[in-house]
Amino acid sequence: MRVLELAAVATALTLAGAAHAQAVGNPAPASAPAPSSPPDMMRGPDERFADLNRLNNEVTAGRPKSSRPVPVSPDDVTPGSEVRDSKGVVIGSIEKVGTGFAVIASPVGKVEVEFASLAKNNKGLLINMPKAKFDAIVAGSAKPAK
């Protein structure tokens, strides 16, 4: 009988504690600002994939909005587009586009470049070398074979 009384008291105290925990606390005022988005490490995988897809769409929708270079797609390389060196100096323009390559015409001459050697940023197409090195390569390829 004593065990039954102790069990009843323990149950009553447990239920009373749960009820008290629900009633205690300050409810948020109606004019409280909306909580900000959680930091990246607290976000779920679906939200991170959505962010990645949004960034990917921005990049593939044309010129990126940042100065960071990103790989080009074949649709980005069009005849007449200016090509800049790694410092942003214009070295020439696209004269011809083939399957997987483009011909860059500069005042020194012309050279065929694979799409993998090109990138793009908010200024347009880029090649990862300084203008002097590019001009030396173009001049060297323009020399007749002996």
C-alpha atoms as a PDB file:
ATOM      1  CA  MET A   1       0.000   0.000   0.000  1.00  0.00           C
ATOM      2  CA  ARG A   2       2.825   2.332   0.863  1.00  0.00           C
ATOM      3  CA  VAL A   3       4.361   1.721  -2.583  1.00  0.00           C
ATOM      4  CA  LEU A   4       1.098   2.714  -4.215  1.00  0.00           C
ATOM      5  CA  GLU A   5       1.019   5.991  -2.226  1.00  0.00           C
ATOM      6  CA  LEU A   6       4.611   6.818  -3.210  1.00  0.00           C
ATOM      7  CA  ALA A   7       3.871   6.094  -6.860  1.00  0.00           C
ATOM      8  CA  ALA A   8       0.815   8.376  -6.757  1.00  0.00           C
ATOM      9  CA  VAL A   9       2.828  11.209  -5.136  1.00  0.00           C
ATOM     10  CA  ALA A  10       5.670  10.820  -7.674  1.00  0.00           C
ATOM     11  CA  THR A  11       3.198  10.899 -10.566  1.00  0.00           C
ATOM     12  CA  ALA A  12       1.472  13.986  -9.188  1.00  0.00           C
ATOM     13  CA  LEU A  13       4.774  15.803  -8.734  1.00  0.00           C
ATOM     14  CA  THR A  14       5.910  14.865 -12.252  1.00  0.00           C
ATOM     15  CA  LEU A  15       2.692  16.106 -13.850  1.00  0.00           C
ATOM     16  CA  ALA A  16       2.695  19.258 -11.744  1.00  0.00           C
ATOM     17  CA  GLY A  17       6.273  20.028 -12.838  1.00  0.00           C
ATOM     18  CA  ALA A  18       5.355  19.642 -16.519  1.00  0.00           C
ATOM     19  CA  ALA A  19       2.311  21.878 -16.109  1.00  0.00           C
ATOM     20  CA  HIS A  20       4.356  24.467 -14.225  1.00  0.00           C
ATOM     21  CA  ALA A  21       7.056  24.460 -16.925  1.00  0.00           C
ATOM     22  CA  GLN A  22       4.466  25.254 -19.582  1.00  0.00           C
ATOM     23  CA  ALA A  23       2.996  28.165 -17.679  1.00  0.00           C
ATOM     24  CA  VAL A  24       6.269  29.807 -16.645  1.00  0.00           C
ATOM     25  CA  GLY A  25       8.142  32.103 -18.996  1.00  0.00           C
ATOM     26  CA  ASN A  26       7.584  35.345 -20.812  1.00  0.00           C
ATOM     27  CA  PRO A  27       5.717  35.047 -24.054  1.00  0.00           C
ATOM     28  CA  ALA A  28       7.318  36.932 -26.940  1.00  0.00           C
ATOM     29  CA  PRO A  29       5.748  40.347 -27.509  1.00  0.00           C
ATOM     30  CA  ALA A  30       3.708  40.703 -30.685  1.00  0.00           C
ATOM     31  CA  SER A  31       6.054  43.367 -32.047  1.00  0.00           C
ATOM     32  CA  ALA A  32       9.229  41.300 -31.606  1.00  0.00           C
ATOM     33  CA  PRO A  33      11.477  41.254 -34.682  1.00  0.00           C
ATOM     34  CA  ALA A  34      11.575  38.107 -36.745  1.00  0.00           C
ATOM     35  CA  PRO A  35      14.525  35.891 -35.922  1.00  0.00           C
ATOM     36  CA  SER A  36      17.421  36.246 -38.336  1.00  0.00           C
ATOM     37  CA  SER A  37      18.539  33.334 -40.454  1.00  0.00           C
ATOM     38  CA  PRO A  38      20.792  30.883 -38.656  1.00  0.00           C
ATOM     39  CA  PRO A  39      24.519  30.851 -39.380  1.00  0.00           C
ATOM     40  CA  ASP A  40      25.697  28.574 -42.191  1.00  0.00           C
ATOM     41  CA  MET A  41      26.799  25.813 -39.849  1.00  0.00           C
ATOM     42  CA  MET A  42      23.323  25.730 -38.275  1.00  0.00           C
ATOM     43  CA  ARG A  43      21.458  25.575 -41.574  1.00  0.00           C
ATOM     44  CA  GLY A  44      20.114  22.371 -42.991  1.00  0.00           C
ATOM     45  CA  PRO A  45      21.501  20.674 -46.097  1.00  0.00           C
ATOM     46  CA  ASP A  46      18.482  21.665 -48.182  1.00  0.00           C
ATOM     47  CA  GLU A  47      19.111  25.364 -47.536  1.00  0.00           C
ATOM     48  CA  ARG A  48      22.791  25.028 -48.449  1.00  0.00           C
ATOM     49  CA  PHE A  49      21.880  23.262 -51.699  1.00  0.00           C
ATOM     50  CA  ALA A  50      19.418  26.058 -52.478  1.00  0.00           C
ATOM     51  CA  ASP A  51      22.181  28.631 -51.935  1.00  0.00           C
ATOM     52  CA  LEU A  52      24.562  26.654 -54.133  1.00  0.00           C
ATOM     53  CA  ASN A  53      21.952  26.416 -56.888  1.00  0.00           C
ATOM     54  CA  ARG A  54      21.236  30.152 -56.627  1.00  0.00           C
ATOM     55  CA  LEU A  55      24.950  30.971 -56.980  1.00  0.00           C
ATOM     56  CA  ASN A  56      25.286  28.527 -59.865  1.00  0.00           C
ATOM     57  CA  ASN A  57      22.338  30.177 -61.641  1.00  0.00           C
ATOM     58  CA  GLU A  58      23.902  33.611 -61.189  1.00  0.00           C
ATOM     59  CA  VAL A  59      27.146  32.386 -62.734  1.00  0.00           C
ATOM     60  CA  THR A  60      25.518  30.616 -65.668  1.00  0.00           C
ATOM     61  CA  ALA A  61      23.064  33.454 -66.345  1.00  0.00           C
ATOM     62  CA  GLY A  62      25.799  35.598 -67.891  1.00  0.00           C
ATOM     63  CA  ARG A  63      28.612  37.543 -66.366  1.00  0.00           C
ATOM     64  CA  PRO A  64      29.237  36.835 -62.711  1.00  0.00           C
ATOM     65  CA  LYS A  65      28.705  39.693 -60.297  1.00  0.00           C
ATOM     66  CA  SER A  66      32.117  39.374 -58.683  1.00  0.00           C
ATOM     67  CA  SER A  67      35.662  39.828 -59.908  1.00  0.00           C
ATOM     68  CA  ARG A  68      36.498  36.221 -58.971  1.00  0.00           C
ATOM     69  CA  PRO A  69      37.146  34.190 -62.115  1.00  0.00           C
ATOM     70  CA  VAL A  70      34.872  31.227 -62.821  1.00  0.00           C
ATOM     71  CA  PRO A  71      35.129  28.646 -65.631  1.00  0.00           C
ATOM     72  CA  VAL A  72      33.534  29.502 -68.956  1.00  0.00           C
ATOM     73  CA  SER A  73      30.918  27.515 -70.793  1.00  0.00           C
ATOM     74  CA  PRO A  74      30.926  27.262 -74.602  1.00  0.00           C
ATOM     75  CA  ASP A  75      28.049  29.765 -74.727  1.00  0.00           C
ATOM     76  CA  ASP A  76      30.206  32.411 -72.997  1.00  0.00           C
ATOM     77  CA  VAL A  77      32.856  32.420 -75.733  1.00  0.00           C
ATOM     78  CA  THR A  78      31.483  34.427 -78.653  1.00  0.00           C
ATOM     79  CA  PRO A  79      33.249  36.127 -81.577  1.00  0.00           C
ATOM     80  CA  GLY A  80      34.069  39.763 -80.850  1.00  0.00           C
ATOM     81  CA  SER A  81      34.304  39.315 -77.066  1.00  0.00           C
ATOM     82  CA  GLU A  82      37.282  41.029 -75.463  1.00  0.00           C
ATOM     83  CA  VAL A  83      39.817  38.861 -73.631  1.00  0.00           C
ATOM     84  CA  ARG A  84      41.751  40.260 -70.673  1.00  0.00           C
ATOM     85  CA  ASP A  85      44.930  39.069 -68.997  1.00  0.00           C
ATOM     86  CA  SER A  86      45.258  38.118 -65.335  1.00  0.00           C
ATOM     87  CA  LYS A  87      45.547  41.812 -64.341  1.00  0.00           C
ATOM     88  CA  GLY A  88      42.537  42.971 -66.383  1.00  0.00           C
ATOM     89  CA  VAL A  89      44.425  44.443 -69.363  1.00  0.00           C
ATOM     90  CA  VAL A  90      42.748  43.793 -72.731  1.00  0.00           C
ATOM     91  CA  ILE A  91      45.008  41.529 -74.811  1.00  0.00           C
ATOM     92  CA  GLY A  92      42.739  40.898 -77.798  1.00  0.00           C
ATOM     93  CA  SER A  93      39.358  39.616 -78.857  1.00  0.00           C
ATOM     94  CA  ILE A  94      37.787  36.342 -79.906  1.00  0.00           C
ATOM     95  CA  GLU A  95      38.011  36.038 -83.684  1.00  0.00           C
ATOM     96  CA  LYS A  96      36.701  32.519 -84.207  1.00  0.00           C
ATOM     97  CA  VAL A  97      35.074  29.858 -82.039  1.00  0.00           C
ATOM     98  CA  GLY A  98      35.411  26.146 -82.718  1.00  0.00           C
ATOM     99  CA  THR A  99      34.490  23.005 -80.823  1.00  0.00           C
ATOM    100  CA  GLY A 100      36.413  23.307 -77.566  1.00  0.00           C
ATOM    101  CA  PHE A 101      38.702  26.135 -78.699  1.00  0.00           C
ATOM    102  CA  ALA A 102      38.714  29.820 -79.643  1.00  0.00           C
ATOM    103  CA  VAL A 103      41.092  31.929 -81.724  1.00  0.00           C
ATOM    104  CA  ILE A 104      42.231  35.064 -79.907  1.00  0.00           C
ATOM    105  CA  ALA A 105      43.416  37.848 -82.198  1.00  0.00           C
ATOM    106  CA  SER A 106      45.758  40.436 -80.707  1.00  0.00           C
ATOM    107  CA  PRO A 107      47.806  43.211 -82.350  1.00  0.00           C
ATOM    108  CA  VAL A 108      50.825  40.871 -82.267  1.00  0.00           C
ATOM    109  CA  GLY A 109      49.068  37.930 -83.956  1.00  0.00           C
ATOM    110  CA  LYS A 110      46.572  35.131 -83.434  1.00  0.00           C
ATOM    111  CA  VAL A 111      46.642  32.065 -81.221  1.00  0.00           C
ATOM    112  CA  GLU A 112      44.279  29.139 -80.661  1.00  0.00           C
ATOM    113  CA  VAL A 113      43.260  28.614 -77.009  1.00  0.00           C
ATOM    114  CA  GLU A 114      41.221  25.819 -75.420  1.00  0.00           C
ATOM    115  CA  PHE A 115      38.114  26.770 -73.432  1.00  0.00           C
ATOM    116  CA  ALA A 116      39.765  25.271 -70.320  1.00  0.00           C
ATOM    117  CA  SER A 117      42.375  28.070 -70.482  1.00  0.00           C
ATOM    118  CA  LEU A 118      39.685  30.751 -70.327  1.00  0.00           C
ATOM    119  CA  ALA A 119      37.644  32.053 -67.406  1.00  0.00           C
ATOM    120  CA  LYS A 120      35.146  34.860 -66.892  1.00  0.00           C
ATOM    121  CA  ASN A 121      34.359  37.467 -64.282  1.00  0.00           C
ATOM    122  CA  ASN A 122      32.315  40.667 -64.114  1.00  0.00           C
ATOM    123  CA  LYS A 123      34.568  42.312 -66.752  1.00  0.00           C
ATOM    124  CA  GLY A 124      34.309  39.494 -69.316  1.00  0.00           C
ATOM    125  CA  LEU A 125      36.636  36.756 -70.554  1.00  0.00           C
ATOM    126  CA  LEU A 126      40.044  36.187 -68.951  1.00  0.00           C
ATOM    127  CA  ILE A 127      43.179  34.190 -69.620  1.00  0.00           C
ATOM    128  CA  ASN A 128      45.448  33.373 -66.682  1.00  0.00           C
ATOM    129  CA  MET A 129      48.709  34.972 -67.810  1.00  0.00           C
ATOM    130  CA  PRO A 130      50.094  38.496 -68.082  1.00  0.00           C
ATOM    131  CA  LYS A 131      49.880  40.377 -71.387  1.00  0.00           C
ATOM    132  CA  ALA A 132      53.670  40.284 -71.904  1.00  0.00           C
ATOM    133  CA  LYS A 133      53.750  36.489 -71.666  1.00  0.00           C
ATOM    134  CA  PHE A 134      50.740  36.176 -73.985  1.00  0.00           C
ATOM    135  CA  ASP A 135      52.368  38.486 -76.548  1.00  0.00           C
ATOM    136  CA  ALA A 136      55.604  36.476 -76.349  1.00  0.00           C
ATOM    137  CA  ILE A 137      53.722  33.236 -76.981  1.00  0.00           C
ATOM    138  CA  VAL A 138      51.815  34.743 -79.910  1.00  0.00           C
ATOM    139  CA  ALA A 139      54.998  36.230 -81.393  1.00  0.00           C
ATOM    140  CA  GLY A 140      56.808  32.903 -80.964  1.00  0.00           C
ATOM    141  CA  SER A 141      54.030  30.960 -82.709  1.00  0.00           C
ATOM    142  CA  ALA A 142      54.005  33.449 -85.611  1.00  0.00           C
ATOM    143  CA  LYS A 143      57.645  32.758 -86.520  1.00  0.00           C
ATOM    144  CA  PRO A 144      58.066  30.554 -89.600  1.00  0.00           C
ATOM    145  CA  ALA A 145      59.528  27.091 -89.063  1.00  0.00           C
ATOM    146  CA  LYS A 146      63.151  26.613 -90.199  1.00  0.00           C
END
